[in-house]
Amino acid sequence: MTDNEEPTGGPTPKAPVPGSPAPGDLVEEYVTELDALLRGPARAKSRLVEEARDGLTETVAAYTRTGEPYERAVRRAVAEFGSARELAGSFQRELTIAQARHTARAVALSAPFLLACWLLVQSTGGPQDAALPRAAHLLATHLATVAGAAVLLAAATLAATGTLARWLPVPHRLPLTVAWTGTTASVSMAVATLALATASLLAKDWPLTAAACALAAASHAVIAGSARVCRQCARLPSGTPVTL
């Protein structure tokens, strides 16, 4: 091949223009914006963002192989995918359902600890003539009833968003219902923690009551964060309801 001949097999790659974005920069800007718009379980969110990144990158690469400039290829790919806000709307419904399941699972696994607290409180031998411990024990019993109801709703939610979702659409307001159920259970556990802490100061068998207090506090910590994220997800705009 002489100096005047050009290599065969396709167009000669062009050298990067000084000051132009490096390959992938515009795609990463899109993906970063998408990631900031989404709320939900970290693993599910990461999976969806990676799928968007891979799909957009492949589409851009397909256009650039036909000779399209990089920026034009990104614009065409984004036109196919929709803006980051539009894509976030379709992704958010799936993430909201995933977060509702996460919260329901947290309630179903943690709320029984409050029921265990109730059993521990019932077995304590606190002074029966002390009005404060009796009131604290009674309050803990009522709160344990709230936790039991939350567990039943959580189990129904897991069924509605799991096996049953193959045949029936997920109710649109179910995530918000789960969010407030989790919030109610979380508040109940916080109040139970205070009640049991008070009871443990005056109870005769205070180690058992203190253990119940610790269980209630741990259950509150597990549910509170998940319920808060679920409320945020339920308030975000989402696309068409999905069947999982």
C-alpha atoms as a PDB file:
ATOM      1  CA  MET A   1       0.000   0.000   0.000  1.00  0.00           C
ATOM      2  CA  THR A   2       1.427   3.369  -1.049  1.00  0.00           C
ATOM      3  CA  ASP A   3       1.320   6.587   0.940  1.00  0.00           C
ATOM      4  CA  ASN A   4      -1.581   7.874  -1.202  1.00  0.00           C
ATOM      5  CA  GLU A   5      -3.745   4.792  -0.702  1.00  0.00           C
ATOM      6  CA  GLU A   6      -6.379   4.650   2.032  1.00  0.00           C
ATOM      7  CA  PRO A   7      -6.974   1.501   4.076  1.00  0.00           C
ATOM      8  CA  THR A   8     -10.036  -0.489   3.150  1.00  0.00           C
ATOM      9  CA  GLY A   9     -12.656  -1.953   5.495  1.00  0.00           C
ATOM     10  CA  GLY A  10     -14.584   1.178   6.478  1.00  0.00           C
ATOM     11  CA  PRO A  11     -14.103   4.869   7.132  1.00  0.00           C
ATOM     12  CA  THR A  12     -10.991   6.021   8.856  1.00  0.00           C
ATOM     13  CA  PRO A  13     -11.669   6.806  12.552  1.00  0.00           C
ATOM     14  CA  LYS A  14     -11.675  10.518  13.189  1.00  0.00           C
ATOM     15  CA  ALA A  15      -9.414  11.997  15.817  1.00  0.00           C
ATOM     16  CA  PRO A  16     -11.250  13.517  18.806  1.00  0.00           C
ATOM     17  CA  VAL A  17     -11.919  17.211  18.420  1.00  0.00           C
ATOM     18  CA  PRO A  18     -10.256  19.219  21.224  1.00  0.00           C
ATOM     19  CA  GLY A  19     -12.818  20.360  23.772  1.00  0.00           C
ATOM     20  CA  SER A  20     -15.486  17.829  22.689  1.00  0.00           C
ATOM     21  CA  PRO A  21     -16.932  15.448  25.309  1.00  0.00           C
ATOM     22  CA  ALA A  22     -15.209  12.132  25.676  1.00  0.00           C
ATOM     23  CA  PRO A  23     -17.230   9.132  24.491  1.00  0.00           C
ATOM     24  CA  GLY A  24     -19.788   8.243  27.134  1.00  0.00           C
ATOM     25  CA  ASP A  25     -19.976  11.677  28.784  1.00  0.00           C
ATOM     26  CA  LEU A  26     -23.396  12.568  27.359  1.00  0.00           C
ATOM     27  CA  VAL A  27     -24.705   9.112  28.134  1.00  0.00           C
ATOM     28  CA  GLU A  28     -23.460   9.402  31.703  1.00  0.00           C
ATOM     29  CA  GLU A  29     -25.151  12.783  32.071  1.00  0.00           C
ATOM     30  CA  TYR A  30     -28.417  11.160  31.010  1.00  0.00           C
ATOM     31  CA  VAL A  31     -27.929   8.223  33.359  1.00  0.00           C
ATOM     32  CA  THR A  32     -26.966  10.499  36.265  1.00  0.00           C
ATOM     33  CA  GLU A  33     -30.137  12.534  35.787  1.00  0.00           C
ATOM     34  CA  LEU A  34     -32.196   9.344  35.614  1.00  0.00           C
ATOM     35  CA  ASP A  35     -30.609   7.996  38.798  1.00  0.00           C
ATOM     36  CA  ALA A  36     -31.379  11.258  40.649  1.00  0.00           C
ATOM     37  CA  LEU A  37     -35.058  11.082  39.661  1.00  0.00           C
ATOM     38  CA  LEU A  38     -35.674   7.525  40.851  1.00  0.00           C
ATOM     39  CA  ARG A  39     -36.528   6.360  44.372  1.00  0.00           C
ATOM     40  CA  GLY A  40     -36.706   2.792  45.568  1.00  0.00           C
ATOM     41  CA  PRO A  41     -34.716  -0.222  46.774  1.00  0.00           C
ATOM     42  CA  ALA A  42     -31.035   0.260  45.960  1.00  0.00           C
ATOM     43  CA  ARG A  43     -30.585  -3.069  44.186  1.00  0.00           C
ATOM     44  CA  ALA A  44     -33.668  -2.723  41.976  1.00  0.00           C
ATOM     45  CA  LYS A  45     -32.838   0.900  41.202  1.00  0.00           C
ATOM     46  CA  SER A  46     -29.246   0.033  40.285  1.00  0.00           C
ATOM     47  CA  ARG A  47     -30.465  -2.727  37.963  1.00  0.00           C
ATOM     48  CA  LEU A  48     -32.835  -0.414  36.099  1.00  0.00           C
ATOM     49  CA  VAL A  49     -30.224   2.352  35.780  1.00  0.00           C
ATOM     50  CA  GLU A  50     -27.663  -0.124  34.419  1.00  0.00           C
ATOM     51  CA  GLU A  51     -30.204  -1.424  31.907  1.00  0.00           C
ATOM     52  CA  ALA A  52     -30.828   2.139  30.739  1.00  0.00           C
ATOM     53  CA  ARG A  53     -27.079   2.827  30.483  1.00  0.00           C
ATOM     54  CA  ASP A  54     -26.424  -0.358  28.496  1.00  0.00           C
ATOM     55  CA  GLY A  55     -29.367   0.182  26.167  1.00  0.00           C
ATOM     56  CA  LEU A  56     -28.490   3.806  25.487  1.00  0.00           C
ATOM     57  CA  THR A  57     -24.817   3.005  24.969  1.00  0.00           C
ATOM     58  CA  GLU A  58     -25.618   0.240  22.497  1.00  0.00           C
ATOM     59  CA  THR A  59     -28.029   2.465  20.567  1.00  0.00           C
ATOM     60  CA  VAL A  60     -25.483   5.292  20.390  1.00  0.00           C
ATOM     61  CA  ALA A  61     -22.814   2.841  19.234  1.00  0.00           C
ATOM     62  CA  ALA A  62     -25.112   1.530  16.510  1.00  0.00           C
ATOM     63  CA  TYR A  63     -25.655   5.057  15.173  1.00  0.00           C
ATOM     64  CA  THR A  64     -21.972   6.001  15.343  1.00  0.00           C
ATOM     65  CA  ARG A  65     -21.063   2.873  13.366  1.00  0.00           C
ATOM     66  CA  THR A  66     -23.139   4.247  10.488  1.00  0.00           C
ATOM     67  CA  GLY A  67     -21.092   7.441  10.525  1.00  0.00           C
ATOM     68  CA  GLU A  68     -23.284   9.626  12.742  1.00  0.00           C
ATOM     69  CA  PRO A  69     -21.381  12.168  14.872  1.00  0.00           C
ATOM     70  CA  TYR A  70     -21.428  11.232  18.539  1.00  0.00           C
ATOM     71  CA  GLU A  71     -23.619  14.091  19.749  1.00  0.00           C
ATOM     72  CA  ARG A  72     -26.178  13.517  16.996  1.00  0.00           C
ATOM     73  CA  ALA A  73     -26.164   9.798  17.782  1.00  0.00           C
ATOM     74  CA  VAL A  74     -26.904  10.561  21.436  1.00  0.00           C
ATOM     75  CA  ARG A  75     -29.765  12.872  20.463  1.00  0.00           C
ATOM     76  CA  ARG A  76     -31.292  10.201  18.245  1.00  0.00           C
ATOM     77  CA  ALA A  77     -30.893   7.557  20.936  1.00  0.00           C
ATOM     78  CA  VAL A  78     -32.505   9.807  23.549  1.00  0.00           C
ATOM     79  CA  ALA A  79     -35.362  10.509  21.132  1.00  0.00           C
ATOM     80  CA  GLU A  80     -35.982   6.754  20.985  1.00  0.00           C
ATOM     81  CA  PHE A  81     -35.674   6.223  24.735  1.00  0.00           C
ATOM     82  CA  GLY A  82     -37.431   9.409  25.809  1.00  0.00           C
ATOM     83  CA  SER A  83     -36.023  12.023  28.153  1.00  0.00           C
ATOM     84  CA  ALA A  84     -34.628  10.968  31.516  1.00  0.00           C
ATOM     85  CA  ARG A  85     -37.785  12.305  33.193  1.00  0.00           C
ATOM     86  CA  GLU A  86     -40.040  10.347  30.831  1.00  0.00           C
ATOM     87  CA  LEU A  87     -38.065   7.151  31.344  1.00  0.00           C
ATOM     88  CA  ALA A  88     -38.054   7.701  35.109  1.00  0.00           C
ATOM     89  CA  GLY A  89     -41.854   7.786  35.045  1.00  0.00           C
ATOM     90  CA  SER A  90     -42.031   4.325  33.513  1.00  0.00           C
ATOM     91  CA  PHE A  91     -39.325   2.945  35.809  1.00  0.00           C
ATOM     92  CA  GLN A  92     -40.730   4.487  38.982  1.00  0.00           C
ATOM     93  CA  ARG A  93     -43.891   2.363  39.034  1.00  0.00           C
ATOM     94  CA  GLU A  94     -41.778  -0.797  39.119  1.00  0.00           C
ATOM     95  CA  LEU A  95     -39.559   0.663  41.838  1.00  0.00           C
ATOM     96  CA  THR A  96     -42.582   1.758  43.867  1.00  0.00           C
ATOM     97  CA  ILE A  97     -43.997  -1.770  43.809  1.00  0.00           C
ATOM     98  CA  ALA A  98     -40.574  -3.135  44.783  1.00  0.00           C
ATOM     99  CA  GLN A  99     -40.353  -0.665  47.687  1.00  0.00           C
ATOM    100  CA  ALA A 100     -43.884  -1.571  48.807  1.00  0.00           C
ATOM    101  CA  ARG A 101     -42.838  -5.218  48.934  1.00  0.00           C
ATOM    102  CA  HIS A 102     -39.680  -4.254  50.822  1.00  0.00           C
ATOM    103  CA  THR A 103     -41.706  -2.330  53.406  1.00  0.00           C
ATOM    104  CA  ALA A 104     -44.331  -5.067  53.692  1.00  0.00           C
ATOM    105  CA  ARG A 105     -41.582  -7.623  54.222  1.00  0.00           C
ATOM    106  CA  ALA A 106     -40.000  -5.433  56.906  1.00  0.00           C
ATOM    107  CA  VAL A 107     -43.348  -5.153  58.699  1.00  0.00           C
ATOM    108  CA  ALA A 108     -44.059  -8.860  58.377  1.00  0.00           C
ATOM    109  CA  LEU A 109     -40.657  -9.785  59.816  1.00  0.00           C
ATOM    110  CA  SER A 110     -40.278  -7.035  62.431  1.00  0.00           C
ATOM    111  CA  ALA A 111     -43.770  -6.498  63.830  1.00  0.00           C
ATOM    112  CA  PRO A 112     -43.849  -9.982  65.401  1.00  0.00           C
ATOM    113  CA  PHE A 113     -41.072  -8.740  67.668  1.00  0.00           C
ATOM    114  CA  LEU A 114     -43.597  -6.309  69.125  1.00  0.00           C
ATOM    115  CA  LEU A 115     -45.925  -9.247  69.709  1.00  0.00           C
ATOM    116  CA  ALA A 116     -43.017 -10.941  71.447  1.00  0.00           C
ATOM    117  CA  CYS A 117     -42.706  -7.818  73.566  1.00  0.00           C
ATOM    118  CA  TRP A 118     -46.347  -8.230  74.549  1.00  0.00           C
ATOM    119  CA  LEU A 119     -45.701 -11.799  75.657  1.00  0.00           C
ATOM    120  CA  LEU A 120     -42.665 -10.722  77.673  1.00  0.00           C
ATOM    121  CA  VAL A 121     -44.636  -7.932  79.304  1.00  0.00           C
ATOM    122  CA  GLN A 122     -47.434 -10.345  80.214  1.00  0.00           C
ATOM    123  CA  SER A 123     -44.928 -12.639  81.880  1.00  0.00           C
ATOM    124  CA  THR A 124     -43.317  -9.940  84.022  1.00  0.00           C
ATOM    125  CA  GLY A 125     -44.143  -9.820  87.677  1.00  0.00           C
ATOM    126  CA  GLY A 126     -44.310  -6.055  88.132  1.00  0.00           C
ATOM    127  CA  PRO A 127     -46.033  -4.604  91.153  1.00  0.00           C
ATOM    128  CA  GLN A 128     -49.735  -4.759  90.447  1.00  0.00           C
ATOM    129  CA  ASP A 129     -50.508  -1.787  92.668  1.00  0.00           C
ATOM    130  CA  ALA A 130     -48.306   0.535  90.643  1.00  0.00           C
ATOM    131  CA  ALA A 131     -50.535   2.494  88.281  1.00  0.00           C
ATOM    132  CA  LEU A 132     -47.733   3.533  85.936  1.00  0.00           C
ATOM    133  CA  PRO A 133     -46.501   0.022  85.063  1.00  0.00           C
ATOM    134  CA  ARG A 134     -50.097  -1.204  84.639  1.00  0.00           C
ATOM    135  CA  ALA A 135     -50.817   1.648  82.227  1.00  0.00           C
ATOM    136  CA  ALA A 136     -47.589   1.011  80.342  1.00  0.00           C
ATOM    137  CA  HIS A 137     -48.373  -2.680  80.045  1.00  0.00           C
ATOM    138  CA  LEU A 138     -51.902  -1.931  78.824  1.00  0.00           C
ATOM    139  CA  LEU A 139     -50.580   0.503  76.215  1.00  0.00           C
ATOM    140  CA  ALA A 140     -48.044  -2.049  75.013  1.00  0.00           C
ATOM    141  CA  THR A 141     -50.839  -4.589  74.634  1.00  0.00           C
ATOM    142  CA  HIS A 142     -52.896  -2.247  72.446  1.00  0.00           C
ATOM    143  CA  LEU A 143     -49.853  -1.396  70.356  1.00  0.00           C
ATOM    144  CA  ALA A 144     -49.123  -5.080  69.896  1.00  0.00           C
ATOM    145  CA  THR A 145     -52.649  -5.425  68.483  1.00  0.00           C
ATOM    146  CA  VAL A 146     -51.833  -2.686  65.966  1.00  0.00           C
ATOM    147  CA  ALA A 147     -48.675  -4.564  65.014  1.00  0.00           C
ATOM    148  CA  GLY A 148     -50.669  -7.756  64.492  1.00  0.00           C
ATOM    149  CA  ALA A 149     -53.045  -5.983  62.107  1.00  0.00           C
ATOM    150  CA  ALA A 150     -50.052  -4.539  60.246  1.00  0.00           C
ATOM    151  CA  VAL A 151     -48.590  -8.016  59.828  1.00  0.00           C
ATOM    152  CA  LEU A 152     -51.829  -9.263  58.253  1.00  0.00           C
ATOM    153  CA  LEU A 153     -51.901  -6.364  55.792  1.00  0.00           C
ATOM    154  CA  ALA A 154     -48.212  -6.872  54.995  1.00  0.00           C
ATOM    155  CA  ALA A 155     -48.830 -10.540  54.227  1.00  0.00           C
ATOM    156  CA  ALA A 156     -51.728  -9.611  51.953  1.00  0.00           C
ATOM    157  CA  THR A 157     -49.510  -7.069  50.173  1.00  0.00           C
ATOM    158  CA  LEU A 158     -46.771  -9.623  49.550  1.00  0.00           C
ATOM    159  CA  ALA A 159     -49.377 -11.966  48.079  1.00  0.00           C
ATOM    160  CA  ALA A 160     -50.967  -9.244  45.920  1.00  0.00           C
ATOM    161  CA  THR A 161     -47.606  -8.136  44.503  1.00  0.00           C
ATOM    162  CA  GLY A 162     -46.207 -11.646  44.195  1.00  0.00           C
ATOM    163  CA  THR A 163     -48.007 -14.749  42.932  1.00  0.00           C
ATOM    164  CA  LEU A 164     -51.403 -13.087  42.488  1.00  0.00           C
ATOM    165  CA  ALA A 165     -49.844 -10.308  40.397  1.00  0.00           C
ATOM    166  CA  ARG A 166     -49.366 -12.803  37.575  1.00  0.00           C
ATOM    167  CA  TRP A 167     -53.121 -12.777  37.006  1.00  0.00           C
ATOM    168  CA  LEU A 168     -54.384  -9.596  38.677  1.00  0.00           C
ATOM    169  CA  PRO A 169     -53.109  -5.998  38.315  1.00  0.00           C
ATOM    170  CA  VAL A 170     -51.532  -4.457  41.397  1.00  0.00           C
ATOM    171  CA  PRO A 171     -53.926  -1.854  42.920  1.00  0.00           C
ATOM    172  CA  HIS A 172     -52.619   1.598  42.120  1.00  0.00           C
ATOM    173  CA  ARG A 173     -52.969   2.897  45.702  1.00  0.00           C
ATOM    174  CA  LEU A 174     -51.529  -0.197  47.350  1.00  0.00           C
ATOM    175  CA  PRO A 175     -47.990   1.254  47.768  1.00  0.00           C
ATOM    176  CA  LEU A 176     -49.360   4.313  49.591  1.00  0.00           C
ATOM    177  CA  THR A 177     -51.476   2.069  51.820  1.00  0.00           C
ATOM    178  CA  VAL A 178     -48.410  -0.023  52.636  1.00  0.00           C
ATOM    179  CA  ALA A 179     -46.376   3.118  53.303  1.00  0.00           C
ATOM    180  CA  TRP A 180     -48.822   4.429  55.894  1.00  0.00           C
ATOM    181  CA  THR A 181     -49.296   0.979  57.396  1.00  0.00           C
ATOM    182  CA  GLY A 182     -45.552   0.755  57.869  1.00  0.00           C
ATOM    183  CA  THR A 183     -45.516   4.270  59.307  1.00  0.00           C
ATOM    184  CA  THR A 184     -48.290   3.375  61.757  1.00  0.00           C
ATOM    185  CA  ALA A 185     -46.466   0.223  62.833  1.00  0.00           C
ATOM    186  CA  SER A 186     -43.243   2.199  63.201  1.00  0.00           C
ATOM    187  CA  VAL A 187     -44.898   4.843  65.397  1.00  0.00           C
ATOM    188  CA  SER A 188     -46.538   2.114  67.472  1.00  0.00           C
ATOM    189  CA  MET A 189     -43.162   0.533  68.076  1.00  0.00           C
ATOM    190  CA  ALA A 190     -41.642   3.869  69.071  1.00  0.00           C
ATOM    191  CA  VAL A 191     -44.433   4.486  71.580  1.00  0.00           C
ATOM    192  CA  ALA A 192     -44.139   0.906  72.827  1.00  0.00           C
ATOM    193  CA  THR A 193     -40.435   1.455  73.359  1.00  0.00           C
ATOM    194  CA  LEU A 194     -41.134   4.450  75.596  1.00  0.00           C
ATOM    195  CA  ALA A 195     -43.895   2.613  77.462  1.00  0.00           C
ATOM    196  CA  LEU A 196     -41.745  -0.440  78.073  1.00  0.00           C
ATOM    197  CA  ALA A 197     -38.786   1.690  79.105  1.00  0.00           C
ATOM    198  CA  THR A 198     -41.018   3.335  81.715  1.00  0.00           C
ATOM    199  CA  ALA A 199     -42.347  -0.016  82.877  1.00  0.00           C
ATOM    200  CA  SER A 200     -38.870  -1.483  83.206  1.00  0.00           C
ATOM    201  CA  LEU A 201     -37.929   1.195  85.745  1.00  0.00           C
ATOM    202  CA  LEU A 202     -40.607   0.016  88.169  1.00  0.00           C
ATOM    203  CA  ALA A 203     -41.157  -3.605  87.211  1.00  0.00           C
ATOM    204  CA  LYS A 204     -39.990  -6.297  89.587  1.00  0.00           C
ATOM    205  CA  ASP A 205     -38.660  -8.488  86.785  1.00  0.00           C
ATOM    206  CA  TRP A 206     -37.139  -5.522  84.936  1.00  0.00           C
ATOM    207  CA  PRO A 207     -34.644  -7.443  82.707  1.00  0.00           C
ATOM    208  CA  LEU A 208     -37.506  -9.031  80.733  1.00  0.00           C
ATOM    209  CA  THR A 209     -39.237  -5.697  80.274  1.00  0.00           C
ATOM    210  CA  ALA A 210     -35.947  -4.084  79.259  1.00  0.00           C
ATOM    211  CA  ALA A 211     -35.434  -6.858  76.680  1.00  0.00           C
ATOM    212  CA  ALA A 212     -38.920  -6.204  75.315  1.00  0.00           C
ATOM    213  CA  CYS A 213     -38.039  -2.503  75.105  1.00  0.00           C
ATOM    214  CA  ALA A 214     -34.915  -3.324  73.101  1.00  0.00           C
ATOM    215  CA  LEU A 215     -36.890  -5.532  70.695  1.00  0.00           C
ATOM    216  CA  ALA A 216     -39.450  -2.789  70.125  1.00  0.00           C
ATOM    217  CA  ALA A 217     -36.703  -0.235  69.470  1.00  0.00           C
ATOM    218  CA  ALA A 218     -34.960  -2.521  66.986  1.00  0.00           C
ATOM    219  CA  SER A 219     -38.233  -3.217  65.149  1.00  0.00           C
ATOM    220  CA  HIS A 220     -38.963   0.502  64.931  1.00  0.00           C
ATOM    221  CA  ALA A 221     -35.533   1.162  63.408  1.00  0.00           C
ATOM    222  CA  VAL A 222     -36.036  -1.518  60.747  1.00  0.00           C
ATOM    223  CA  ILE A 223     -39.470  -0.352  59.620  1.00  0.00           C
ATOM    224  CA  ALA A 224     -39.177   3.448  59.939  1.00  0.00           C
ATOM    225  CA  GLY A 225     -36.628   3.950  57.155  1.00  0.00           C
ATOM    226  CA  SER A 226     -38.355   1.610  54.723  1.00  0.00           C
ATOM    227  CA  ALA A 227     -41.750   3.218  55.339  1.00  0.00           C
ATOM    228  CA  ARG A 228     -40.290   6.690  54.757  1.00  0.00           C
ATOM    229  CA  VAL A 229     -38.852   5.691  51.371  1.00  0.00           C
ATOM    230  CA  CYS A 230     -42.135   3.981  50.482  1.00  0.00           C
ATOM    231  CA  ARG A 231     -44.035   7.221  51.153  1.00  0.00           C
ATOM    232  CA  GLN A 232     -41.590   9.099  48.902  1.00  0.00           C
ATOM    233  CA  CYS A 233     -42.016   6.527  46.117  1.00  0.00           C
ATOM    234  CA  ALA A 234     -45.810   6.579  46.366  1.00  0.00           C
ATOM    235  CA  ARG A 235     -45.864  10.372  45.922  1.00  0.00           C
ATOM    236  CA  LEU A 236     -43.696  10.356  42.792  1.00  0.00           C
ATOM    237  CA  PRO A 237     -45.348  10.360  39.350  1.00  0.00           C
ATOM    238  CA  SER A 238     -45.185   6.998  37.657  1.00  0.00           C
ATOM    239  CA  GLY A 239     -46.153   5.459  34.377  1.00  0.00           C
ATOM    240  CA  THR A 240     -48.814   2.933  33.566  1.00  0.00           C
ATOM    241  CA  PRO A 241     -49.398   0.386  36.349  1.00  0.00           C
ATOM    242  CA  VAL A 242     -47.421  -2.762  35.736  1.00  0.00           C
ATOM    243  CA  THR A 243     -48.157  -6.430  36.255  1.00  0.00           C
ATOM    244  CA  LEU A 244     -45.174  -8.104  37.853  1.00  0.00           C
END
